[in-house]
Protein backbone atom coordinates (compact mmCIF):
# COMPACT_ATOMS: atom_id res chain seq x y z
CA MET A 1 -2.20 19.28 -62.53
CA PHE A 2 -1.22 17.00 -59.67
CA LYS A 3 -0.50 18.43 -56.26
CA ARG A 4 3.10 18.23 -55.26
CA PHE A 5 3.63 15.36 -52.83
CA SER A 6 5.36 16.29 -49.57
CA LEU A 7 7.11 13.91 -47.23
CA PHE A 8 7.10 16.39 -44.36
CA PRO A 9 3.61 15.49 -42.96
CA LEU A 10 4.53 11.80 -43.15
CA LEU A 11 7.75 12.46 -41.23
CA LEU A 12 5.78 14.28 -38.54
CA LEU A 13 3.27 11.44 -38.23
CA ALA A 14 6.05 8.85 -38.23
CA SER A 15 7.82 10.63 -35.38
CA LEU A 16 4.63 10.89 -33.32
CA GLY A 17 3.67 7.31 -34.13
CA PHE A 18 7.07 6.02 -33.05
CA LEU A 19 6.87 7.73 -29.66
CA VAL A 20 3.32 6.51 -29.00
CA ALA A 21 4.22 2.96 -30.06
CA TYR A 22 7.39 3.05 -27.96
CA TYR A 23 5.58 3.93 -24.74
CA LEU A 24 2.69 1.56 -25.43
CA LEU A 25 5.20 -1.24 -26.08
CA LEU A 26 7.15 -0.34 -22.96
CA MET A 27 4.09 -0.56 -20.71
CA GLY A 28 2.21 -3.25 -22.64
CA TYR A 29 5.05 -5.77 -22.87
CA THR A 30 6.06 -5.18 -19.26
CA TYR A 31 2.63 -6.18 -18.03
CA THR A 32 2.05 -9.18 -20.34
CA ARG A 33 3.32 -11.49 -17.60
CA TYR A 34 1.80 -9.53 -14.76
CA ARG A 35 -1.22 -11.03 -13.01
CA PRO A 36 -3.92 -8.33 -12.54
CA SER A 37 -5.17 -10.18 -9.48
CA SER A 38 -1.85 -9.40 -7.81
CA LEU A 39 -2.80 -5.74 -7.65
CA LEU A 40 -5.83 -6.29 -5.42
CA VAL A 41 -4.05 -8.87 -3.28
CA LEU A 42 -0.98 -6.70 -2.70
CA LEU A 43 -3.02 -3.56 -2.03
CA GLN A 44 -4.47 -5.33 1.00
CA THR A 45 -1.10 -6.07 2.56
CA PRO A 46 0.00 -3.76 5.43
CA ALA A 47 3.41 -3.04 3.87
CA VAL A 48 1.98 -1.83 0.56
CA GLY A 49 -0.78 0.11 2.30
CA HIS A 50 1.83 1.85 4.48
CA ALA A 51 3.93 2.82 1.44
CA ILE A 52 0.90 4.22 -0.39
CA MET A 53 -0.41 6.16 2.61
CA LEU A 54 3.04 7.54 3.44
CA SER A 55 3.54 8.70 -0.16
CA LEU A 56 0.13 10.39 -0.35
CA VAL A 57 0.42 12.16 3.01
CA CYS A 58 4.01 13.34 2.53
CA ALA A 59 3.38 14.46 -1.06
CA THR A 60 0.33 16.43 0.05
CA LEU A 61 2.24 18.17 2.85
CA ALA A 62 5.19 18.90 0.56
CA THR A 63 2.86 20.34 -2.11
CA ILE A 64 1.08 22.60 0.39
CA LEU A 65 4.44 23.91 1.65
CA ALA A 66 5.71 24.37 -1.90
CA LEU A 67 2.63 26.39 -2.90
CA ILE A 68 2.82 28.54 0.23
CA PHE A 69 6.28 29.69 -0.86
CA ALA A 70 5.80 29.47 -4.64
CA ILE A 71 2.66 31.63 -4.89
CA PRO A 72 4.29 34.85 -3.59
CA ALA A 73 7.78 34.08 -4.93
CA SER A 74 6.58 33.48 -8.49
CA TYR A 75 4.43 36.63 -8.33
CA ILE A 76 7.46 38.75 -7.44
CA LEU A 77 9.47 37.19 -10.27
CA SER A 78 6.64 37.85 -12.71
CA ARG A 79 5.71 41.40 -11.71
CA LYS A 80 8.73 43.09 -10.12
CA GLN A 81 12.13 44.16 -11.36
CA PHE A 82 15.04 44.13 -8.91
CA PRO A 83 18.84 43.79 -8.97
CA GLY A 84 19.94 40.18 -9.44
CA LYS A 85 16.53 39.00 -10.66
CA MET A 86 18.04 36.86 -13.42
CA LEU A 87 20.37 35.17 -10.92
CA VAL A 88 17.50 34.49 -8.50
CA ASP A 89 15.32 33.16 -11.32
CA THR A 90 18.13 30.85 -12.43
CA LEU A 91 18.82 29.69 -8.87
CA LEU A 92 15.20 28.59 -8.41
CA ASP A 93 15.51 26.42 -11.53
CA ILE A 94 18.25 24.30 -9.93
CA PRO A 95 15.83 21.69 -8.49
CA VAL A 96 14.36 21.22 -11.97
CA PHE A 97 17.67 20.54 -13.73
CA VAL A 98 19.97 19.13 -11.04
CA SER A 99 19.83 15.43 -10.21
CA PRO A 100 17.59 14.66 -7.20
CA VAL A 101 20.37 12.45 -5.81
CA ALA A 102 22.72 15.45 -5.82
CA LEU A 103 20.13 17.57 -4.02
CA GLY A 104 19.61 14.77 -1.51
CA ALA A 105 23.36 14.71 -0.86
CA LEU A 106 23.34 18.48 -0.25
CA LEU A 107 20.42 18.06 2.17
CA ILE A 108 22.11 15.34 4.19
CA ILE A 109 25.30 17.44 4.42
CA LEU A 110 23.28 20.50 5.50
CA PHE A 111 21.37 18.66 8.22
CA SER A 112 24.54 16.91 9.40
CA SER A 113 26.22 20.26 10.03
CA PRO A 114 26.19 21.89 13.51
CA VAL A 115 23.31 24.15 12.45
CA GLY A 116 21.38 21.20 11.01
CA ARG A 117 21.96 19.05 14.09
CA ASN A 118 20.83 21.90 16.32
CA PHE A 119 17.67 22.23 14.21
CA GLN A 120 16.93 18.52 14.54
CA THR A 121 17.60 18.55 18.28
CA HIS A 122 15.25 21.42 19.09
CA LEU A 123 12.56 20.94 16.43
CA PHE A 124 12.25 17.57 14.72
CA PRO A 125 14.54 14.98 13.09
CA ILE A 126 15.15 15.08 9.36
CA VAL A 127 17.94 12.66 8.44
CA PHE A 128 16.66 9.06 8.27
CA ALA A 129 13.30 10.23 9.69
CA LEU A 130 9.80 10.63 8.27
CA PRO A 131 9.85 14.47 8.16
CA GLY A 132 12.86 14.16 5.89
CA ILE A 133 10.59 12.73 3.18
CA VAL A 134 8.56 15.94 3.14
CA VAL A 135 11.75 18.04 3.13
CA ALA A 136 13.19 16.05 0.21
CA GLN A 137 9.97 16.26 -1.80
CA PHE A 138 9.59 19.97 -1.05
CA THR A 139 13.15 20.63 -2.22
CA ILE A 140 12.46 18.90 -5.53
CA ILE A 141 9.03 20.36 -6.34
CA VAL A 142 9.17 23.96 -5.10
CA GLY A 143 11.22 25.12 -8.10
CA LEU A 144 8.77 23.42 -10.44
CA ALA A 145 5.83 25.11 -8.68
CA VAL A 146 7.51 28.52 -8.98
CA ARG A 147 8.17 28.00 -12.70
CA LEU A 148 4.58 26.92 -13.45
CA LEU A 149 3.02 29.74 -11.43
CA LYS A 150 5.32 32.38 -12.92
CA SER A 151 4.14 31.32 -16.38
CA THR A 152 0.55 31.73 -15.18
CA TYR A 153 1.14 35.21 -13.77
CA ASP A 154 2.98 36.23 -16.96
CA GLN A 155 -0.19 35.53 -18.95
CA ILE A 156 -2.37 37.77 -16.74
CA PRO A 157 -2.24 41.44 -17.86
CA SER A 158 -0.97 43.67 -15.05
CA ARG A 159 -3.48 46.36 -16.02
CA TYR A 160 -6.20 44.47 -14.16
CA GLU A 161 -4.31 45.04 -10.92
CA GLU A 162 -3.61 48.64 -11.82
CA VAL A 163 -7.31 49.29 -12.41
CA SER A 164 -8.24 47.66 -9.10
CA ARG A 165 -5.76 49.89 -7.26
CA THR A 166 -7.26 53.01 -8.87
CA LEU A 167 -10.60 51.84 -7.45
CA GLY A 168 -9.22 51.79 -3.92
CA CYS A 169 -7.79 48.30 -3.53
CA SER A 170 -4.45 47.93 -1.80
CA SER A 171 -1.73 45.84 -3.43
CA PHE A 172 -2.51 43.04 -0.97
CA LYS A 173 -6.24 43.13 -1.67
CA SER A 174 -5.69 43.44 -5.41
CA PHE A 175 -3.54 40.29 -5.38
CA PHE A 176 -6.16 38.22 -3.52
CA LYS A 177 -9.26 39.68 -5.17
CA VAL A 178 -8.03 40.02 -8.75
CA THR A 179 -4.82 38.13 -9.54
CA LEU A 180 -5.38 34.87 -7.66
CA PRO A 181 -8.91 34.29 -9.05
CA LEU A 182 -7.57 34.84 -12.56
CA ALA A 183 -4.71 32.43 -11.84
CA LYS A 184 -7.04 29.74 -10.47
CA ASN A 185 -6.49 27.19 -13.25
CA GLY A 186 -2.74 27.72 -13.21
CA LEU A 187 -2.70 27.34 -9.44
CA ILE A 188 -4.65 24.09 -9.61
CA GLY A 189 -2.40 22.85 -12.40
CA ALA A 190 0.78 23.71 -10.50
CA GLY A 191 -0.58 21.94 -7.42
CA ILE A 192 -1.47 18.76 -9.31
CA VAL A 193 1.80 18.58 -11.24
CA SER A 194 3.84 19.28 -8.10
CA TRP A 195 1.89 16.67 -6.12
CA ALA A 196 2.32 14.01 -8.80
CA ARG A 197 6.05 14.81 -9.00
CA ALA A 198 6.32 14.54 -5.21
CA VAL A 199 4.61 11.13 -5.20
CA GLY A 200 7.15 9.86 -7.73
CA GLU A 201 10.21 11.43 -6.08
CA PHE A 202 12.94 8.91 -5.29
CA GLY A 203 16.52 10.17 -5.56
CA ALA A 204 16.55 12.89 -2.90
CA THR A 205 14.29 10.87 -0.60
CA ILE A 206 16.38 7.71 -0.52
CA THR A 207 19.57 9.77 -0.09
CA LEU A 208 18.22 11.77 2.85
CA VAL A 209 16.01 9.26 4.69
CA GLY A 210 17.17 5.90 3.38
CA ALA A 211 15.04 2.92 2.38
CA ALA A 212 13.83 1.35 5.61
CA ALA A 213 11.03 -1.07 4.77
CA GLY A 214 7.87 -0.30 6.70
CA LYS A 215 9.27 2.99 8.01
CA THR A 216 10.48 5.40 5.30
CA GLU A 217 9.21 3.27 2.40
CA THR A 218 7.34 5.41 -0.15
CA ILE A 219 5.95 4.02 -3.43
CA PRO A 220 9.15 4.66 -5.46
CA THR A 221 11.26 3.26 -2.62
CA ALA A 222 9.00 0.19 -2.55
CA VAL A 223 9.70 -0.32 -6.27
CA TYR A 224 13.44 -0.23 -5.55
CA LEU A 225 13.22 -2.61 -2.60
CA SER A 226 10.90 -4.98 -4.46
CA PHE A 227 13.24 -5.33 -7.42
CA ALA A 228 16.18 -5.73 -5.03
CA SER A 229 14.41 -8.68 -3.41
CA ALA A 230 13.19 -10.05 -6.78
CA ASP A 231 9.53 -9.48 -5.85
CA ILE A 232 8.49 -8.56 -9.40
CA ASP A 233 4.71 -8.57 -8.84
CA ARG A 234 5.02 -6.13 -5.94
CA ALA A 235 7.38 -3.91 -7.94
CA LEU A 236 5.05 -3.83 -10.94
CA THR A 237 2.09 -3.07 -8.68
CA MET A 238 3.90 -0.01 -7.35
CA VAL A 239 4.94 1.04 -10.86
CA ALA A 240 1.31 0.71 -11.98
CA LEU A 241 0.24 3.00 -9.12
CA LEU A 242 2.81 5.61 -10.17
CA ILE A 243 1.63 5.46 -13.78
CA LEU A 244 -2.01 5.76 -12.73
CA THR A 245 -1.12 8.74 -10.53
CA ALA A 246 0.59 10.50 -13.43
CA LEU A 247 -2.21 9.75 -15.90
CA SER A 248 -4.89 10.83 -13.42
CA GLY A 249 -3.07 14.10 -12.77
CA LEU A 250 -2.76 14.85 -16.49
CA LEU A 251 -6.43 14.02 -17.08
CA ILE A 252 -7.55 16.30 -14.26
CA LEU A 253 -5.38 19.09 -15.66
CA ARG A 254 -7.04 18.83 -19.04
CA LEU A 255 -10.51 18.70 -17.52
CA VAL A 256 -9.80 21.76 -15.38
CA SER A 257 -8.26 23.79 -18.18
CA GLY A 258 -10.59 22.64 -20.92
CA LYS A 259 -7.66 22.60 -23.32
CA GLU A 260 -4.19 21.21 -23.83
CA LEU A 261 -1.76 22.58 -21.26
CA ILE A 262 1.72 23.69 -22.21
CA PHE A 263 4.34 24.07 -19.49
């Protein structure tokens, strides 16, 4: 008897093969006319170095701020029940699903209001200023950080905390001594994904702080300005840096977790 032939596995492989070939073609063909030597030459120019350093510093600050708020906020959403929880949970998903340009427009309207102008006068400038990059990136990634960390907390049985409290630990001590160590891989993963997303953020940033070359020029902004001025080599260099950042982040995630991560 012959085994019945099924097309289903072939359809699955064909779908996967198409996607892999599509992205390989997209990146491979794009760089067929790109001179690799341009990368090293352009990396040594002050303008490119400024864009890279600005992106790395701002993304790091935005990620730290996002985690400071996301760690406790996601824990509450995971462990506690309260009136309006579903609405709050949905509200925090807005940065994930709403266009970054729309969020950037909301930010510029907020900081152009009397309250926003008063904030900028007495603290620090936001609109068309360097701190605005961090604010824009934070706005985009904090919802993502909350979502990733909530998934991590959801996978940690609450009985561990309950046992620690029966042994004399306060809720505060139980969180730092029990929950956070167990959530270590998820915390690292959320930090890396949020940081990589902040490095590649463009829409909210350019809306809030503009695209001033040599001043508020991050890596994605440099890509935009380079294509606008027909400097293809510089644009492709910046795109290559963004791709390498994303691939490095994903590789580190898999090394840290020791398995495939699902978000």
